[in-house]
Amino acid sequence: MEIRHLRYFVAVANQRNFTRAAEALNIAQPPLSRQIRQLEEEVGSELFDRAARPIRLTQSGRLLYEYAVQVLSGMDQLQSTMKQAANPKKRRFVIGFVGSTLYGLLPEVIRQFRKHLVEVDVSLLECSTVEQIAALKDGRIDIGFGRLRIKDPAIRRIVLANEKLVAVLPNDHPLVSKNPPISLDDLVNERLIVYPRPVRPSYADQILGVFRDVGLQPRSIAEVRELQTAIGLVAAHEGISIVPESVKRLRRDDIAYAPISDHEARSPIMMIHRIGDVSDELVALIEISRELHATNGIDHLESNE
């Protein structure tokens, strides 16, 4: 299986039409069709329902599409990274982050950092807190923004804020009409949708820990890959979820956000970096991050003990 096969496959899946996909790829349709047939022979299954109008993915096609998009995204990022690394005129600084931090102040932090250090080539890499620690040790990132307090003697943690958590409910849920805030006890008998599923420990464990801290255990738990999936399932009446308050920026007509009264219902926002790293870029980013978060939460250095 070659990368070009995956690119052709994704193009057809996105266009839902071989002719339009061929035009987008700037190739003739017959060669494109042959490449897709070769790919189907290799995976041992048809990837498209060609009888449908427009064509649609089969079950095998949907599975391959999910992984193909990830592979192609990784390849594009790798190519971009290598091109940047080959440019000796700019220093490179890589920031790791968990997805939920993008709903808060992180985009503004990065904007100000880029404005302050225009000579630095800033790259972003989405990864879990666990993955960030490994990436810091390997030198693949220079700093990480996450939510988990994972102890490691080689890593320094700086807590920027303790963000309130809110419940995500279907907009017609009985708790929506209850005078807010609600309590964790109100949610314990609901089906709790947590994320992310692939990497543990994760934010999912943090949420379950919040319930344990007040002596509660959710009646039913479902795990999904990412925040957007959790919210979509809430809208479909599959359960409820708990997210950082900043996620309220993600607005939908079919869900409602409800504040939670329990003091324990908080999620830290923190920076992590290698102990002993005192680069100018790192110092500047820490200062910018602390200043922007100063009015939004607790700003202090945690020990690693």
C-alpha atoms as a PDB file:
ATOM      1  CA  MET A   1       0.000   0.000   0.000  1.00  0.00           C
ATOM      2  CA  GLU A   2       1.531   3.298  -1.109  1.00  0.00           C
ATOM      3  CA  ILE A   3       0.858   6.842   0.072  1.00  0.00           C
ATOM      4  CA  ARG A   4      -0.407   7.829  -3.372  1.00  0.00           C
ATOM      5  CA  HIS A   5      -3.024   5.076  -3.171  1.00  0.00           C
ATOM      6  CA  LEU A   6      -4.289   6.567   0.092  1.00  0.00           C
ATOM      7  CA  ARG A   7      -4.333  10.084  -1.391  1.00  0.00           C
ATOM      8  CA  TYR A   8      -6.344   8.871  -4.385  1.00  0.00           C
ATOM      9  CA  PHE A   9      -8.709   6.964  -2.113  1.00  0.00           C
ATOM     10  CA  VAL A  10      -9.322   9.934   0.196  1.00  0.00           C
ATOM     11  CA  ALA A  11      -9.885  12.243  -2.786  1.00  0.00           C
ATOM     12  CA  VAL A  12     -12.576   9.942  -4.194  1.00  0.00           C
ATOM     13  CA  ALA A  13     -14.155   9.558  -0.746  1.00  0.00           C
ATOM     14  CA  ASN A  14     -14.284  13.336  -0.285  1.00  0.00           C
ATOM     15  CA  GLN A  15     -15.585  14.092  -3.771  1.00  0.00           C
ATOM     16  CA  ARG A  16     -17.917  11.040  -3.858  1.00  0.00           C
ATOM     17  CA  ASN A  17     -17.303  11.005  -7.594  1.00  0.00           C
ATOM     18  CA  PHE A  18     -14.410   9.564  -9.619  1.00  0.00           C
ATOM     19  CA  THR A  19     -14.521  12.269 -12.288  1.00  0.00           C
ATOM     20  CA  ARG A  20     -14.369  15.171  -9.815  1.00  0.00           C
ATOM     21  CA  ALA A  21     -11.661  13.408  -7.815  1.00  0.00           C
ATOM     22  CA  ALA A  22      -9.567  12.918 -10.964  1.00  0.00           C
ATOM     23  CA  GLU A  23      -9.911  16.619 -11.769  1.00  0.00           C
ATOM     24  CA  ALA A  24      -8.890  17.582  -8.226  1.00  0.00           C
ATOM     25  CA  LEU A  25      -5.862  15.288  -8.452  1.00  0.00           C
ATOM     26  CA  ASN A  26      -5.046  16.514 -11.972  1.00  0.00           C
ATOM     27  CA  ILE A  27      -4.982  12.998 -13.415  1.00  0.00           C
ATOM     28  CA  ALA A  28      -7.191  11.122 -15.883  1.00  0.00           C
ATOM     29  CA  GLN A  29     -10.107   9.112 -14.537  1.00  0.00           C
ATOM     30  CA  PRO A  30      -9.131   5.649 -15.927  1.00  0.00           C
ATOM     31  CA  PRO A  31      -5.755   5.568 -14.105  1.00  0.00           C
ATOM     32  CA  LEU A  32      -7.482   6.748 -10.934  1.00  0.00           C
ATOM     33  CA  SER A  33     -10.062   3.961 -11.171  1.00  0.00           C
ATOM     34  CA  ARG A  34      -7.284   1.399 -11.715  1.00  0.00           C
ATOM     35  CA  GLN A  35      -5.400   2.636  -8.655  1.00  0.00           C
ATOM     36  CA  ILE A  36      -8.508   2.324  -6.507  1.00  0.00           C
ATOM     37  CA  ARG A  37      -9.118  -1.199  -7.842  1.00  0.00           C
ATOM     38  CA  GLN A  38      -5.540  -2.135  -6.979  1.00  0.00           C
ATOM     39  CA  LEU A  39      -6.049  -0.794  -3.467  1.00  0.00           C
ATOM     40  CA  GLU A  40      -9.261  -2.801  -3.102  1.00  0.00           C
ATOM     41  CA  GLU A  41      -7.472  -5.949  -4.250  1.00  0.00           C
ATOM     42  CA  GLU A  42      -4.735  -5.306  -1.704  1.00  0.00           C
ATOM     43  CA  VAL A  43      -7.123  -4.828   1.237  1.00  0.00           C
ATOM     44  CA  GLY A  44      -9.349  -7.663   0.011  1.00  0.00           C
ATOM     45  CA  SER A  45     -12.601  -5.721  -0.006  1.00  0.00           C
ATOM     46  CA  GLU A  46     -14.530  -3.164  -2.026  1.00  0.00           C
ATOM     47  CA  LEU A  47     -14.133   0.315  -0.621  1.00  0.00           C
ATOM     48  CA  PHE A  48     -16.930   2.084  -2.500  1.00  0.00           C
ATOM     49  CA  ASP A  49     -20.549   1.277  -3.238  1.00  0.00           C
ATOM     50  CA  ARG A  50     -20.429   2.231  -6.916  1.00  0.00           C
ATOM     51  CA  ALA A  51     -24.132   1.548  -7.442  1.00  0.00           C
ATOM     52  CA  ALA A  52     -25.063   4.443  -5.131  1.00  0.00           C
ATOM     53  CA  ARG A  53     -25.463   7.936  -6.539  1.00  0.00           C
ATOM     54  CA  PRO A  54     -23.338   9.654  -5.443  1.00  0.00           C
ATOM     55  CA  ILE A  55     -20.997   6.803  -4.611  1.00  0.00           C
ATOM     56  CA  ARG A  56     -20.458   6.109  -0.925  1.00  0.00           C
ATOM     57  CA  LEU A  57     -17.986   4.274   1.252  1.00  0.00           C
ATOM     58  CA  THR A  58     -18.606   0.678   2.243  1.00  0.00           C
ATOM     59  CA  GLN A  59     -18.011  -0.420   5.829  1.00  0.00           C
ATOM     60  CA  SER A  60     -14.439  -1.362   4.911  1.00  0.00           C
ATOM     61  CA  GLY A  61     -14.069   1.963   3.140  1.00  0.00           C
ATOM     62  CA  ARG A  62     -15.154   3.910   6.211  1.00  0.00           C
ATOM     63  CA  LEU A  63     -12.617   2.049   8.326  1.00  0.00           C
ATOM     64  CA  LEU A  64      -9.785   2.687   5.857  1.00  0.00           C
ATOM     65  CA  TYR A  65     -10.810   6.339   5.478  1.00  0.00           C
ATOM     66  CA  GLU A  66     -10.487   6.934   9.232  1.00  0.00           C
ATOM     67  CA  TYR A  67      -6.910   5.669   9.254  1.00  0.00           C
ATOM     68  CA  ALA A  68      -5.935   7.070   5.838  1.00  0.00           C
ATOM     69  CA  VAL A  69      -6.771  10.621   6.896  1.00  0.00           C
ATOM     70  CA  GLN A  70      -4.572  10.247   9.968  1.00  0.00           C
ATOM     71  CA  VAL A  71      -1.691   8.784   7.955  1.00  0.00           C
ATOM     72  CA  LEU A  72      -1.845  11.529   5.313  1.00  0.00           C
ATOM     73  CA  SER A  73      -2.056  14.238   7.956  1.00  0.00           C
ATOM     74  CA  GLY A  74       1.019  12.799   9.621  1.00  0.00           C
ATOM     75  CA  MET A  75       2.898  12.683   6.333  1.00  0.00           C
ATOM     76  CA  ASP A  76       2.002  16.281   5.520  1.00  0.00           C
ATOM     77  CA  GLN A  77       3.154  17.365   8.963  1.00  0.00           C
ATOM     78  CA  LEU A  78       6.383  15.411   8.583  1.00  0.00           C
ATOM     79  CA  GLN A  79       7.126  17.012   5.225  1.00  0.00           C
ATOM     80  CA  SER A  80       6.423  20.471   6.599  1.00  0.00           C
ATOM     81  CA  THR A  81       8.582  19.815   9.650  1.00  0.00           C
ATOM     82  CA  MET A  82      11.527  18.612   7.572  1.00  0.00           C
ATOM     83  CA  LYS A  83      11.315  21.646   5.283  1.00  0.00           C
ATOM     84  CA  GLN A  84      11.328  23.930   8.309  1.00  0.00           C
ATOM     85  CA  ALA A  85      14.245  22.055   9.863  1.00  0.00           C
ATOM     86  CA  ALA A  86      16.241  22.546   6.659  1.00  0.00           C
ATOM     87  CA  ASN A  87      15.920  26.345   7.020  1.00  0.00           C
ATOM     88  CA  PRO A  88      18.882  27.460   9.173  1.00  0.00           C
ATOM     89  CA  LYS A  89      17.735  31.086   9.297  1.00  0.00           C
ATOM     90  CA  LYS A  90      15.062  30.495  11.942  1.00  0.00           C
ATOM     91  CA  ARG A  91      15.197  28.799  15.316  1.00  0.00           C
ATOM     92  CA  ARG A  92      12.509  26.167  15.696  1.00  0.00           C
ATOM     93  CA  PHE A  93      10.257  25.909  18.762  1.00  0.00           C
ATOM     94  CA  VAL A  94       7.659  23.137  19.024  1.00  0.00           C
ATOM     95  CA  ILE A  95       4.620  23.403  21.312  1.00  0.00           C
ATOM     96  CA  GLY A  96       2.639  20.311  22.294  1.00  0.00           C
ATOM     97  CA  PHE A  97      -0.964  20.684  23.389  1.00  0.00           C
ATOM     98  CA  VAL A  98      -4.096  18.739  24.245  1.00  0.00           C
ATOM     99  CA  GLY A  99      -7.104  19.669  22.124  1.00  0.00           C
ATOM    100  CA  SER A 100      -9.269  21.124  24.910  1.00  0.00           C
ATOM    101  CA  THR A 101      -6.703  23.861  25.667  1.00  0.00           C
ATOM    102  CA  LEU A 102      -7.498  25.461  22.294  1.00  0.00           C
ATOM    103  CA  TYR A 103     -10.888  26.569  23.653  1.00  0.00           C
ATOM    104  CA  GLY A 104      -9.176  28.634  26.333  1.00  0.00           C
ATOM    105  CA  LEU A 105      -6.320  31.122  26.222  1.00  0.00           C
ATOM    106  CA  LEU A 106      -3.755  29.006  24.365  1.00  0.00           C
ATOM    107  CA  PRO A 107      -4.459  30.506  20.900  1.00  0.00           C
ATOM    108  CA  GLU A 108      -3.880  34.014  22.318  1.00  0.00           C
ATOM    109  CA  VAL A 109      -0.746  32.809  24.121  1.00  0.00           C
ATOM    110  CA  ILE A 110       0.647  31.512  20.830  1.00  0.00           C
ATOM    111  CA  ARG A 111      -0.329  34.670  18.935  1.00  0.00           C
ATOM    112  CA  GLN A 112       1.494  36.855  21.433  1.00  0.00           C
ATOM    113  CA  PHE A 113       4.481  34.505  21.494  1.00  0.00           C
ATOM    114  CA  ARG A 114       4.784  34.667  17.704  1.00  0.00           C
ATOM    115  CA  LYS A 115       4.445  38.450  17.803  1.00  0.00           C
ATOM    116  CA  HIS A 116       7.097  38.715  20.524  1.00  0.00           C
ATOM    117  CA  LEU A 117       9.578  36.361  18.830  1.00  0.00           C
ATOM    118  CA  VAL A 118       9.107  36.866  15.095  1.00  0.00           C
ATOM    119  CA  GLU A 119      12.478  35.250  14.359  1.00  0.00           C
ATOM    120  CA  VAL A 120      11.327  31.922  15.808  1.00  0.00           C
ATOM    121  CA  ASP A 121       9.618  29.264  13.700  1.00  0.00           C
ATOM    122  CA  VAL A 122       6.759  28.038  15.925  1.00  0.00           C
ATOM    123  CA  SER A 123       5.218  24.609  15.282  1.00  0.00           C
ATOM    124  CA  LEU A 124       2.243  23.005  17.039  1.00  0.00           C
ATOM    125  CA  LEU A 125       1.729  19.325  17.759  1.00  0.00           C
ATOM    126  CA  GLU A 126      -1.487  17.902  19.236  1.00  0.00           C
ATOM    127  CA  CYS A 127      -0.707  15.118  21.707  1.00  0.00           C
ATOM    128  CA  SER A 128      -1.838  13.850  25.081  1.00  0.00           C
ATOM    129  CA  THR A 129      -0.041  14.823  28.294  1.00  0.00           C
ATOM    130  CA  VAL A 130       1.520  11.351  28.460  1.00  0.00           C
ATOM    131  CA  GLU A 131       2.778  11.734  24.890  1.00  0.00           C
ATOM    132  CA  GLN A 132       4.061  15.235  25.683  1.00  0.00           C
ATOM    133  CA  ILE A 133       6.335  13.921  28.436  1.00  0.00           C
ATOM    134  CA  ALA A 134       7.881  11.375  26.083  1.00  0.00           C
ATOM    135  CA  ALA A 135       8.212  14.027  23.359  1.00  0.00           C
ATOM    136  CA  LEU A 136       9.948  16.434  25.773  1.00  0.00           C
ATOM    137  CA  LYS A 137      12.468  13.790  26.765  1.00  0.00           C
ATOM    138  CA  ASP A 138      13.098  12.898  23.120  1.00  0.00           C
ATOM    139  CA  GLY A 139      13.477  16.551  22.140  1.00  0.00           C
ATOM    140  CA  ARG A 140      10.513  16.451  19.746  1.00  0.00           C
ATOM    141  CA  ILE A 141       8.740  19.303  21.546  1.00  0.00           C
ATOM    142  CA  ASP A 142      10.027  22.172  23.690  1.00  0.00           C
ATOM    143  CA  ILE A 143       6.985  22.711  25.903  1.00  0.00           C
ATOM    144  CA  GLY A 144       3.574  21.147  26.466  1.00  0.00           C
ATOM    145  CA  PHE A 145       0.145  22.395  27.501  1.00  0.00           C
ATOM    146  CA  GLY A 146      -2.055  19.795  29.164  1.00  0.00           C
ATOM    147  CA  ARG A 147      -4.335  18.960  32.072  1.00  0.00           C
ATOM    148  CA  LEU A 148      -2.869  15.916  33.859  1.00  0.00           C
ATOM    149  CA  ARG A 149      -0.601  16.045  36.912  1.00  0.00           C
ATOM    150  CA  ILE A 150       1.848  13.333  35.886  1.00  0.00           C
ATOM    151  CA  LYS A 151       4.959  13.237  38.059  1.00  0.00           C
ATOM    152  CA  ASP A 152       8.332  12.823  36.407  1.00  0.00           C
ATOM    153  CA  PRO A 153      11.696  13.876  37.880  1.00  0.00           C
ATOM    154  CA  ALA A 154      12.831  15.256  34.523  1.00  0.00           C
ATOM    155  CA  ILE A 155       9.771  17.429  33.971  1.00  0.00           C
ATOM    156  CA  ARG A 156       8.721  20.715  35.599  1.00  0.00           C
ATOM    157  CA  ARG A 157       5.027  21.516  35.911  1.00  0.00           C
ATOM    158  CA  ILE A 158       3.574  25.030  36.042  1.00  0.00           C
ATOM    159  CA  VAL A 159      -0.135  25.286  36.850  1.00  0.00           C
ATOM    160  CA  LEU A 160      -1.601  28.281  35.034  1.00  0.00           C
ATOM    161  CA  ALA A 161      -5.230  27.931  36.152  1.00  0.00           C
ATOM    162  CA  ASN A 162      -7.751  25.590  37.709  1.00  0.00           C
ATOM    163  CA  GLU A 163     -10.632  25.729  35.271  1.00  0.00           C
ATOM    164  CA  LYS A 164     -14.202  25.034  36.323  1.00  0.00           C
ATOM    165  CA  LEU A 165     -15.952  22.034  34.800  1.00  0.00           C
ATOM    166  CA  VAL A 166     -19.438  22.115  33.292  1.00  0.00           C
ATOM    167  CA  ALA A 167     -21.903  19.398  32.378  1.00  0.00           C
ATOM    168  CA  VAL A 168     -22.967  18.932  28.760  1.00  0.00           C
ATOM    169  CA  LEU A 169     -26.625  17.907  28.502  1.00  0.00           C
ATOM    170  CA  PRO A 170     -29.175  17.450  25.711  1.00  0.00           C
ATOM    171  CA  ASN A 171     -31.049  20.740  25.478  1.00  0.00           C
ATOM    172  CA  ASP A 172     -34.298  19.069  26.560  1.00  0.00           C
ATOM    173  CA  HIS A 173     -32.799  17.268  29.568  1.00  0.00           C
ATOM    174  CA  PRO A 174     -34.751  17.805  32.833  1.00  0.00           C
ATOM    175  CA  LEU A 175     -31.620  19.165  34.551  1.00  0.00           C
ATOM    176  CA  VAL A 176     -31.483  22.045  32.056  1.00  0.00           C
ATOM    177  CA  SER A 177     -34.637  23.521  33.568  1.00  0.00           C
ATOM    178  CA  LYS A 178     -33.321  23.061  37.118  1.00  0.00           C
ATOM    179  CA  ASN A 179     -31.974  26.227  38.664  1.00  0.00           C
ATOM    180  CA  PRO A 180     -28.203  26.037  38.039  1.00  0.00           C
ATOM    181  CA  PRO A 181     -25.711  25.086  39.240  1.00  0.00           C
ATOM    182  CA  ILE A 182     -26.217  21.336  39.405  1.00  0.00           C
ATOM    183  CA  SER A 183     -24.181  18.895  41.509  1.00  0.00           C
ATOM    184  CA  LEU A 184     -22.206  15.781  40.671  1.00  0.00           C
ATOM    185  CA  ASP A 185     -24.820  13.867  42.649  1.00  0.00           C
ATOM    186  CA  ASP A 186     -27.392  15.000  40.050  1.00  0.00           C
ATOM    187  CA  LEU A 187     -25.294  13.350  37.342  1.00  0.00           C
ATOM    188  CA  VAL A 188     -24.260  10.091  38.991  1.00  0.00           C
ATOM    189  CA  ASN A 189     -27.166   8.081  37.556  1.00  0.00           C
ATOM    190  CA  GLU A 190     -26.655   9.364  34.026  1.00  0.00           C
ATOM    191  CA  ARG A 191     -24.604   7.572  31.377  1.00  0.00           C
ATOM    192  CA  LEU A 192     -21.297   9.456  31.494  1.00  0.00           C
ATOM    193  CA  ILE A 193     -19.443   9.878  28.183  1.00  0.00           C
ATOM    194  CA  VAL A 194     -15.711  10.374  28.729  1.00  0.00           C
ATOM    195  CA  TYR A 195     -12.773  11.003  26.388  1.00  0.00           C
ATOM    196  CA  PRO A 196     -10.182  10.363  25.053  1.00  0.00           C
ATOM    197  CA  ARG A 197     -10.196   6.590  24.771  1.00  0.00           C
ATOM    198  CA  PRO A 198      -6.839   5.586  23.181  1.00  0.00           C
ATOM    199  CA  VAL A 199      -4.281   6.946  25.684  1.00  0.00           C
ATOM    200  CA  ARG A 200      -4.376   6.409  29.454  1.00  0.00           C
ATOM    201  CA  PRO A 201      -4.077   8.048  31.905  1.00  0.00           C
ATOM    202  CA  SER A 202      -6.088  10.827  30.303  1.00  0.00           C
ATOM    203  CA  TYR A 203      -8.701  13.500  30.909  1.00  0.00           C
ATOM    204  CA  ALA A 204     -11.218  10.642  31.229  1.00  0.00           C
ATOM    205  CA  ASP A 205      -9.427   9.415  34.351  1.00  0.00           C
ATOM    206  CA  GLN A 206      -9.406  12.954  35.701  1.00  0.00           C
ATOM    207  CA  ILE A 207     -13.191  13.219  35.396  1.00  0.00           C
ATOM    208  CA  LEU A 208     -13.735   9.825  37.024  1.00  0.00           C
ATOM    209  CA  GLY A 209     -11.393  10.953  39.799  1.00  0.00           C
ATOM    210  CA  VAL A 210     -13.562  14.026  40.412  1.00  0.00           C
ATOM    211  CA  PHE A 211     -16.509  11.715  41.114  1.00  0.00           C
ATOM    212  CA  ARG A 212     -14.402   9.497  43.369  1.00  0.00           C
ATOM    213  CA  ASP A 213     -13.214  12.520  45.358  1.00  0.00           C
ATOM    214  CA  VAL A 214     -16.804  13.123  46.501  1.00  0.00           C
ATOM    215  CA  GLY A 215     -17.553   9.438  47.062  1.00  0.00           C
ATOM    216  CA  LEU A 216     -19.533   8.854  43.873  1.00  0.00           C
ATOM    217  CA  GLN A 217     -19.359   6.327  41.043  1.00  0.00           C
ATOM    218  CA  PRO A 218     -21.197   6.991  37.750  1.00  0.00           C
ATOM    219  CA  ARG A 219     -23.827   4.363  36.995  1.00  0.00           C
ATOM    220  CA  SER A 220     -22.657   3.844  33.416  1.00  0.00           C
ATOM    221  CA  ILE A 221     -19.584   4.983  31.481  1.00  0.00           C
ATOM    222  CA  ALA A 222     -18.933   5.178  27.742  1.00  0.00           C
ATOM    223  CA  GLU A 223     -15.518   6.029  26.290  1.00  0.00           C
ATOM    224  CA  VAL A 224     -15.010   7.847  22.978  1.00  0.00           C
ATOM    225  CA  ARG A 225     -12.000   9.124  21.075  1.00  0.00           C
ATOM    226  CA  GLU A 226     -12.416  12.882  21.324  1.00  0.00           C
ATOM    227  CA  LEU A 227     -14.357  15.795  22.761  1.00  0.00           C
ATOM    228  CA  GLN A 228     -16.397  16.510  19.636  1.00  0.00           C
ATOM    229  CA  THR A 229     -17.590  12.908  19.530  1.00  0.00           C
ATOM    230  CA  ALA A 230     -18.666  13.090  23.172  1.00  0.00           C
ATOM    231  CA  ILE A 231     -20.684  16.246  22.545  1.00  0.00           C
ATOM    232  CA  GLY A 232     -22.273  14.755  19.434  1.00  0.00           C
ATOM    233  CA  LEU A 233     -23.381  11.714  21.412  1.00  0.00           C
ATOM    234  CA  VAL A 234     -24.836  13.956  24.115  1.00  0.00           C
ATOM    235  CA  ALA A 235     -26.909  15.663  21.422  1.00  0.00           C
ATOM    236  CA  ALA A 236     -28.074  12.212  20.308  1.00  0.00           C
ATOM    237  CA  HIS A 237     -29.320  11.459  23.856  1.00  0.00           C
ATOM    238  CA  GLU A 238     -26.627   8.819  24.416  1.00  0.00           C
ATOM    239  CA  GLY A 239     -25.678  10.309  27.767  1.00  0.00           C
ATOM    240  CA  ILE A 240     -24.065  13.376  29.332  1.00  0.00           C
ATOM    241  CA  SER A 241     -20.466  14.586  29.446  1.00  0.00           C
ATOM    242  CA  ILE A 242     -18.301  16.872  31.553  1.00  0.00           C
ATOM    243  CA  VAL A 243     -15.942  19.352  29.902  1.00  0.00           C
ATOM    244  CA  PRO A 244     -13.812  22.380  30.847  1.00  0.00           C
ATOM    245  CA  GLU A 245     -15.789  25.609  31.031  1.00  0.00           C
ATOM    246  CA  SER A 246     -13.923  27.122  28.064  1.00  0.00           C
ATOM    247  CA  VAL A 247     -15.469  24.474  25.792  1.00  0.00           C
ATOM    248  CA  LYS A 248     -18.722  26.459  26.058  1.00  0.00           C
ATOM    249  CA  ARG A 249     -17.328  28.369  23.078  1.00  0.00           C
ATOM    250  CA  LEU A 250     -18.280  25.296  21.068  1.00  0.00           C
ATOM    251  CA  ARG A 251     -21.947  26.184  20.611  1.00  0.00           C
ATOM    252  CA  ARG A 252     -24.690  23.881  19.362  1.00  0.00           C
ATOM    253  CA  ASP A 253     -28.447  24.298  19.351  1.00  0.00           C
ATOM    254  CA  ASP A 254     -29.081  20.737  20.548  1.00  0.00           C
ATOM    255  CA  ILE A 255     -27.034  20.798  23.762  1.00  0.00           C
ATOM    256  CA  ALA A 256     -26.828  22.896  26.924  1.00  0.00           C
ATOM    257  CA  TYR A 257     -23.978  23.591  29.339  1.00  0.00           C
ATOM    258  CA  ALA A 258     -24.702  23.561  33.063  1.00  0.00           C
ATOM    259  CA  PRO A 259     -22.311  24.781  35.791  1.00  0.00           C
ATOM    260  CA  ILE A 260     -21.382  22.283  38.512  1.00  0.00           C
ATOM    261  CA  SER A 261     -21.454  23.398  42.136  1.00  0.00           C
ATOM    262  CA  ASP A 262     -18.939  20.918  43.603  1.00  0.00           C
ATOM    263  CA  HIS A 263     -15.624  22.600  44.407  1.00  0.00           C
ATOM    264  CA  GLU A 264     -13.772  19.480  43.220  1.00  0.00           C
ATOM    265  CA  ALA A 265     -15.185  19.916  39.712  1.00  0.00           C
ATOM    266  CA  ARG A 266     -12.129  21.631  38.269  1.00  0.00           C
ATOM    267  CA  SER A 267      -9.478  20.805  35.706  1.00  0.00           C
ATOM    268  CA  PRO A 268      -5.960  22.314  35.824  1.00  0.00           C
ATOM    269  CA  ILE A 269      -4.338  23.956  32.839  1.00  0.00           C
ATOM    270  CA  MET A 270      -0.599  23.496  33.023  1.00  0.00           C
ATOM    271  CA  MET A 271       2.636  23.864  31.154  1.00  0.00           C
ATOM    272  CA  ILE A 272       5.360  21.238  31.273  1.00  0.00           C
ATOM    273  CA  HIS A 273       8.966  21.489  30.138  1.00  0.00           C
ATOM    274  CA  ARG A 274      12.334  19.862  30.674  1.00  0.00           C
ATOM    275  CA  ILE A 275      14.012  20.710  33.972  1.00  0.00           C
ATOM    276  CA  GLY A 276      17.126  22.744  33.264  1.00  0.00           C
ATOM    277  CA  ASP A 277      15.827  24.192  29.998  1.00  0.00           C
ATOM    278  CA  VAL A 278      16.298  27.970  30.203  1.00  0.00           C
ATOM    279  CA  SER A 279      16.117  28.984  26.541  1.00  0.00           C
ATOM    280  CA  ASP A 280      14.982  32.519  25.721  1.00  0.00           C
ATOM    281  CA  GLU A 281      11.964  31.134  23.879  1.00  0.00           C
ATOM    282  CA  LEU A 282      10.876  29.041  26.846  1.00  0.00           C
ATOM    283  CA  VAL A 283      11.270  31.878  29.324  1.00  0.00           C
ATOM    284  CA  ALA A 284       9.261  34.203  27.075  1.00  0.00           C
ATOM    285  CA  LEU A 285       6.441  31.682  26.603  1.00  0.00           C
ATOM    286  CA  ILE A 286       6.183  31.022  30.343  1.00  0.00           C
ATOM    287  CA  GLU A 287       5.969  34.758  31.044  1.00  0.00           C
ATOM    288  CA  ILE A 288       3.309  35.344  28.375  1.00  0.00           C
ATOM    289  CA  SER A 289       1.269  32.359  29.556  1.00  0.00           C
ATOM    290  CA  ARG A 290       1.354  33.423  33.202  1.00  0.00           C
ATOM    291  CA  GLU A 291       0.366  36.993  32.411  1.00  0.00           C
ATOM    292  CA  LEU A 292      -2.617  35.946  30.288  1.00  0.00           C
ATOM    293  CA  HIS A 293      -3.842  33.373  32.818  1.00  0.00           C
ATOM    294  CA  ALA A 294      -3.254  35.541  35.892  1.00  0.00           C
ATOM    295  CA  THR A 295      -6.825  36.846  35.946  1.00  0.00           C
ATOM    296  CA  ASN A 296      -8.361  33.474  35.066  1.00  0.00           C
ATOM    297  CA  GLY A 297      -7.055  31.098  37.732  1.00  0.00           C
ATOM    298  CA  ILE A 298      -4.272  30.056  40.084  1.00  0.00           C
ATOM    299  CA  ASP A 299      -0.752  30.721  38.857  1.00  0.00           C
ATOM    300  CA  HIS A 300       1.979  28.809  40.649  1.00  0.00           C
ATOM    301  CA  LEU A 301       4.759  26.291  40.271  1.00  0.00           C
ATOM    302  CA  GLU A 302       4.052  22.758  41.468  1.00  0.00           C
ATOM    303  CA  SER A 303       6.832  20.586  42.773  1.00  0.00           C
ATOM    304  CA  ASN A 304       7.512  17.249  41.152  1.00  0.00           C
ATOM    305  CA  GLU A 305       7.455  15.386  44.401  1.00  0.00           C
END
